[in-house]
N, C-alpha and C. Protein backbone atom coordinates (compact mmCIF):
# COMPACT_ATOMS: atom_id res chain seq x y z
N MET A 1 -10.08 -7.34 -14.09
CA MET A 1 -8.71 -7.12 -14.49
C MET A 1 -7.83 -8.28 -14.03
N ALA A 2 -8.04 -8.75 -12.82
CA ALA A 2 -7.24 -9.88 -12.32
C ALA A 2 -7.50 -11.13 -13.15
N GLN A 3 -8.75 -11.34 -13.53
CA GLN A 3 -9.08 -12.50 -14.36
C GLN A 3 -8.36 -12.42 -15.71
N TRP A 4 -8.36 -11.22 -16.30
CA TRP A 4 -7.65 -11.04 -17.57
C TRP A 4 -6.16 -11.32 -17.39
N ALA A 5 -5.56 -10.80 -16.31
CA ALA A 5 -4.13 -10.98 -16.06
C ALA A 5 -3.78 -12.45 -15.87
N ARG A 6 -4.71 -13.22 -15.30
CA ARG A 6 -4.47 -14.66 -15.13
C ARG A 6 -4.47 -15.40 -16.47
N GLN A 7 -5.24 -14.92 -17.42
CA GLN A 7 -5.38 -15.61 -18.70
C GLN A 7 -4.43 -15.09 -19.78
N ALA A 8 -4.07 -13.80 -19.70
CA ALA A 8 -3.24 -13.19 -20.74
C ALA A 8 -1.81 -13.71 -20.67
N ARG A 9 -1.24 -13.93 -21.82
CA ARG A 9 0.14 -14.42 -21.93
C ARG A 9 1.01 -13.40 -22.63
N ARG A 10 2.25 -13.33 -22.18
CA ARG A 10 3.24 -12.47 -22.84
C ARG A 10 3.86 -13.22 -23.99
N ASP A 11 4.72 -12.53 -24.73
CA ASP A 11 5.37 -13.15 -25.89
C ASP A 11 6.20 -14.37 -25.50
N ASP A 12 6.74 -14.35 -24.28
CA ASP A 12 7.57 -15.48 -23.85
C ASP A 12 6.74 -16.62 -23.25
N GLY A 13 5.42 -16.48 -23.24
CA GLY A 13 4.54 -17.54 -22.75
C GLY A 13 4.15 -17.43 -21.29
N THR A 14 4.79 -16.53 -20.55
CA THR A 14 4.44 -16.39 -19.13
C THR A 14 3.14 -15.60 -18.99
N ARG A 15 2.44 -15.87 -17.88
CA ARG A 15 1.20 -15.15 -17.63
C ARG A 15 1.52 -13.74 -17.13
N VAL A 16 0.71 -12.78 -17.54
CA VAL A 16 0.86 -11.41 -17.05
C VAL A 16 0.74 -11.40 -15.53
N TYR A 17 -0.13 -12.23 -14.99
CA TYR A 17 -0.40 -12.30 -13.56
C TYR A 17 0.81 -12.75 -12.74
N ASP A 18 1.74 -13.46 -13.36
CA ASP A 18 2.91 -13.95 -12.63
C ASP A 18 3.94 -12.87 -12.35
N ASP A 19 3.77 -11.70 -12.93
CA ASP A 19 4.67 -10.56 -12.69
C ASP A 19 4.32 -9.95 -11.33
N ALA A 20 5.32 -9.83 -10.46
CA ALA A 20 5.09 -9.31 -9.11
C ALA A 20 4.55 -7.88 -9.14
N THR A 21 4.99 -7.08 -10.10
CA THR A 21 4.51 -5.70 -10.20
C THR A 21 3.03 -5.67 -10.54
N VAL A 22 2.60 -6.55 -11.42
CA VAL A 22 1.18 -6.63 -11.77
C VAL A 22 0.36 -7.01 -10.55
N LYS A 23 0.83 -8.00 -9.80
CA LYS A 23 0.11 -8.42 -8.59
C LYS A 23 0.02 -7.27 -7.59
N GLU A 24 1.10 -6.54 -7.42
CA GLU A 24 1.10 -5.42 -6.48
C GLU A 24 0.10 -4.36 -6.92
N ARG A 25 0.08 -4.04 -8.21
CA ARG A 25 -0.85 -3.02 -8.71
C ARG A 25 -2.29 -3.47 -8.56
N LEU A 26 -2.56 -4.73 -8.85
CA LEU A 26 -3.93 -5.25 -8.67
C LEU A 26 -4.34 -5.19 -7.21
N ALA A 27 -3.42 -5.50 -6.31
CA ALA A 27 -3.72 -5.44 -4.87
C ALA A 27 -4.01 -4.01 -4.45
N ARG A 28 -3.21 -3.07 -4.93
CA ARG A 28 -3.44 -1.66 -4.57
C ARG A 28 -4.79 -1.18 -5.08
N ILE A 29 -5.15 -1.56 -6.29
CA ILE A 29 -6.44 -1.18 -6.85
C ILE A 29 -7.57 -1.72 -5.99
N ALA A 30 -7.46 -2.98 -5.58
CA ALA A 30 -8.49 -3.59 -4.75
C ALA A 30 -8.59 -2.91 -3.39
N ILE A 31 -7.46 -2.59 -2.81
CA ILE A 31 -7.45 -1.91 -1.50
C ILE A 31 -8.07 -0.53 -1.62
N GLU A 32 -7.67 0.22 -2.62
CA GLU A 32 -8.21 1.58 -2.79
C GLU A 32 -9.71 1.54 -3.06
N ALA A 33 -10.18 0.57 -3.81
CA ALA A 33 -11.62 0.45 -4.07
C ALA A 33 -12.37 0.14 -2.79
N GLU A 34 -11.84 -0.75 -1.97
CA GLU A 34 -12.49 -1.10 -0.70
C GLU A 34 -12.50 0.08 0.26
N VAL A 35 -11.39 0.79 0.35
CA VAL A 35 -11.33 1.96 1.21
C VAL A 35 -12.33 3.01 0.75
N SER A 36 -12.40 3.25 -0.55
CA SER A 36 -13.36 4.21 -1.08
C SER A 36 -14.79 3.80 -0.75
N ARG A 37 -15.10 2.53 -0.89
CA ARG A 37 -16.44 2.04 -0.60
C ARG A 37 -16.78 2.25 0.88
N LEU A 38 -15.84 1.93 1.74
CA LEU A 38 -16.09 2.08 3.17
C LEU A 38 -16.20 3.54 3.58
N LEU A 39 -15.38 4.41 2.99
CA LEU A 39 -15.47 5.82 3.32
C LEU A 39 -16.80 6.41 2.85
N ASP A 40 -17.33 5.93 1.70
CA ASP A 40 -18.66 6.39 1.25
C ASP A 40 -19.71 5.99 2.25
N ILE A 41 -19.54 4.82 2.90
CA ILE A 41 -20.51 4.36 3.90
C ILE A 41 -20.45 5.25 5.13
N LEU A 42 -19.24 5.55 5.60
CA LEU A 42 -19.08 6.36 6.81
C LEU A 42 -19.33 7.84 6.54
N GLY A 43 -19.08 8.27 5.33
CA GLY A 43 -19.29 9.67 4.98
C GLY A 43 -18.22 10.57 5.58
N ALA A 44 -18.55 11.84 5.67
CA ALA A 44 -17.59 12.84 6.15
C ALA A 44 -17.19 12.59 7.60
N GLU A 45 -18.03 11.91 8.35
CA GLU A 45 -17.71 11.64 9.76
C GLU A 45 -16.50 10.73 9.91
N ALA A 46 -16.09 10.05 8.85
CA ALA A 46 -14.95 9.13 8.94
C ALA A 46 -13.68 9.84 9.36
N VAL A 47 -13.58 11.13 9.07
CA VAL A 47 -12.36 11.85 9.40
C VAL A 47 -12.49 12.70 10.67
N LEU A 48 -13.54 12.45 11.44
CA LEU A 48 -13.68 13.16 12.71
C LEU A 48 -12.69 12.62 13.73
N ARG A 49 -12.12 13.50 14.51
CA ARG A 49 -11.20 13.09 15.56
C ARG A 49 -11.98 12.65 16.79
N ARG A 50 -11.30 11.94 17.66
CA ARG A 50 -11.90 11.42 18.89
C ARG A 50 -12.54 12.55 19.70
N GLU A 51 -11.92 13.73 19.69
CA GLU A 51 -12.43 14.85 20.47
C GLU A 51 -13.81 15.31 20.01
N ALA A 52 -14.19 14.96 18.81
CA ALA A 52 -15.50 15.36 18.29
C ALA A 52 -16.62 14.70 19.07
N GLY A 53 -16.33 13.57 19.68
CA GLY A 53 -17.32 12.90 20.51
C GLY A 53 -18.23 11.94 19.77
N ASP A 54 -18.54 12.22 18.53
CA ASP A 54 -19.44 11.33 17.79
C ASP A 54 -18.78 10.73 16.55
N ALA A 55 -17.48 10.60 16.58
CA ALA A 55 -16.74 10.00 15.47
C ALA A 55 -17.06 8.51 15.39
N PRO A 56 -17.34 8.01 14.18
CA PRO A 56 -17.65 6.58 14.05
C PRO A 56 -16.45 5.71 14.42
N LEU A 57 -16.73 4.55 14.96
CA LEU A 57 -15.70 3.59 15.36
C LEU A 57 -14.69 4.20 16.33
N ASN A 58 -15.17 5.13 17.13
CA ASN A 58 -14.34 5.78 18.14
C ASN A 58 -13.09 6.41 17.51
N ALA A 59 -13.24 6.98 16.32
CA ALA A 59 -12.19 7.68 15.57
C ALA A 59 -11.07 6.76 15.07
N ALA A 60 -11.31 5.47 15.02
CA ALA A 60 -10.28 4.54 14.56
C ALA A 60 -9.87 4.80 13.12
N VAL A 61 -10.82 5.20 12.27
CA VAL A 61 -10.50 5.47 10.87
C VAL A 61 -9.56 6.66 10.76
N ASP A 62 -9.89 7.73 11.46
CA ASP A 62 -9.05 8.93 11.42
C ASP A 62 -7.65 8.63 11.96
N GLU A 63 -7.58 7.92 13.06
CA GLU A 63 -6.28 7.62 13.66
C GLU A 63 -5.44 6.71 12.78
N ALA A 64 -6.06 5.75 12.13
CA ALA A 64 -5.33 4.87 11.21
C ALA A 64 -4.81 5.65 10.02
N PHE A 65 -5.64 6.55 9.51
CA PHE A 65 -5.24 7.38 8.37
C PHE A 65 -4.04 8.25 8.72
N ARG A 66 -4.11 8.91 9.86
CA ARG A 66 -3.03 9.83 10.25
C ARG A 66 -1.77 9.08 10.67
N GLY A 67 -1.90 7.89 11.22
CA GLY A 67 -0.74 7.14 11.68
C GLY A 67 -0.12 6.23 10.63
N GLY A 68 -0.82 6.01 9.53
CA GLY A 68 -0.34 5.08 8.51
C GLY A 68 0.99 5.45 7.91
N VAL A 69 1.16 6.69 7.54
CA VAL A 69 2.40 7.13 6.91
C VAL A 69 3.54 7.14 7.92
N VAL A 70 3.25 7.61 9.11
CA VAL A 70 4.28 7.68 10.15
C VAL A 70 4.79 6.28 10.50
N GLY A 71 3.91 5.31 10.50
CA GLY A 71 4.28 3.95 10.85
C GLY A 71 5.34 3.37 9.93
N THR A 72 5.39 3.82 8.70
CA THR A 72 6.38 3.28 7.76
C THR A 72 7.78 3.79 8.00
N ILE A 73 7.91 4.88 8.76
CA ILE A 73 9.25 5.45 8.94
C ILE A 73 9.79 5.29 10.35
N TYR A 74 9.07 4.63 11.23
CA TYR A 74 9.59 4.38 12.57
C TYR A 74 10.91 3.62 12.47
N GLY A 75 11.91 4.12 13.11
CA GLY A 75 13.20 3.43 13.14
C GLY A 75 13.92 3.43 11.81
N GLY A 76 13.48 4.24 10.85
CA GLY A 76 14.15 4.31 9.56
C GLY A 76 13.90 3.11 8.66
N SER A 77 12.83 2.37 8.92
CA SER A 77 12.58 1.14 8.16
C SER A 77 12.41 1.40 6.67
N THR A 78 11.80 2.51 6.30
CA THR A 78 11.63 2.82 4.88
C THR A 78 12.97 3.04 4.21
N GLU A 79 13.84 3.79 4.86
CA GLU A 79 15.15 4.06 4.29
C GLU A 79 15.98 2.79 4.17
N ILE A 80 15.89 1.94 5.16
CA ILE A 80 16.62 0.67 5.12
C ILE A 80 16.14 -0.18 3.95
N MET A 81 14.83 -0.24 3.75
CA MET A 81 14.29 -1.03 2.64
C MET A 81 14.75 -0.46 1.30
N ARG A 82 14.80 0.86 1.18
CA ARG A 82 15.29 1.46 -0.06
C ARG A 82 16.72 1.05 -0.34
N GLU A 83 17.54 1.04 0.70
CA GLU A 83 18.94 0.65 0.53
C GLU A 83 19.06 -0.81 0.13
N ILE A 84 18.25 -1.67 0.72
CA ILE A 84 18.28 -3.09 0.37
C ILE A 84 17.87 -3.29 -1.08
N VAL A 85 16.81 -2.62 -1.51
CA VAL A 85 16.37 -2.74 -2.90
C VAL A 85 17.44 -2.19 -3.84
N ALA A 86 18.04 -1.07 -3.48
CA ALA A 86 19.08 -0.48 -4.33
C ALA A 86 20.25 -1.42 -4.50
N GLU A 87 20.67 -2.06 -3.41
CA GLU A 87 21.83 -2.94 -3.47
C GLU A 87 21.51 -4.28 -4.12
N ARG A 88 20.47 -4.95 -3.65
CA ARG A 88 20.21 -6.32 -4.08
C ARG A 88 19.45 -6.43 -5.39
N VAL A 89 18.51 -5.53 -5.61
CA VAL A 89 17.69 -5.62 -6.82
C VAL A 89 18.30 -4.82 -7.96
N LEU A 90 18.70 -3.59 -7.66
CA LEU A 90 19.22 -2.72 -8.72
C LEU A 90 20.72 -2.85 -8.93
N GLY A 91 21.41 -3.52 -7.98
CA GLY A 91 22.84 -3.72 -8.11
C GLY A 91 23.66 -2.47 -7.88
N LEU A 92 23.11 -1.49 -7.18
CA LEU A 92 23.84 -0.25 -6.90
C LEU A 92 24.84 -0.49 -5.77
N PRO A 93 25.88 0.35 -5.68
CA PRO A 93 26.86 0.17 -4.61
C PRO A 93 26.26 0.47 -3.24
N ARG A 94 26.87 -0.11 -2.22
CA ARG A 94 26.42 0.10 -0.85
C ARG A 94 26.52 1.59 -0.50
N SER A 95 25.46 2.14 0.09
CA SER A 95 25.44 3.57 0.36
C SER A 95 25.75 3.90 1.82
N ARG A 96 25.92 2.89 2.66
CA ARG A 96 26.21 3.14 4.07
C ARG A 96 27.51 2.42 4.43
N SER A 97 28.15 2.88 5.49
CA SER A 97 29.40 2.26 5.89
C SER A 97 29.14 0.91 6.56
N LYS A 98 30.14 0.03 6.46
CA LYS A 98 30.01 -1.30 7.05
C LYS A 98 30.20 -1.27 8.54
């Protein structure tokens, strides 16, 4: 798919691959494929907690999975990024006081 995106041209002559959204989607697909491959290798034990005693990689996979979502909201960073995108990219009015 990435090879096709590098070669395909839009009506205006730009490459499909030069679109940031296309690059992001290709990256997500690659990441999800790699995660799926690795989880198939580890099997059901990948989600064992440290307390289980025999969790692979000392439960690092489980801990990363459970902490991944929480890490995005520490200190309100997700909300701040939404506000920045709304203001600068979408041109919406400022939603917080100065």
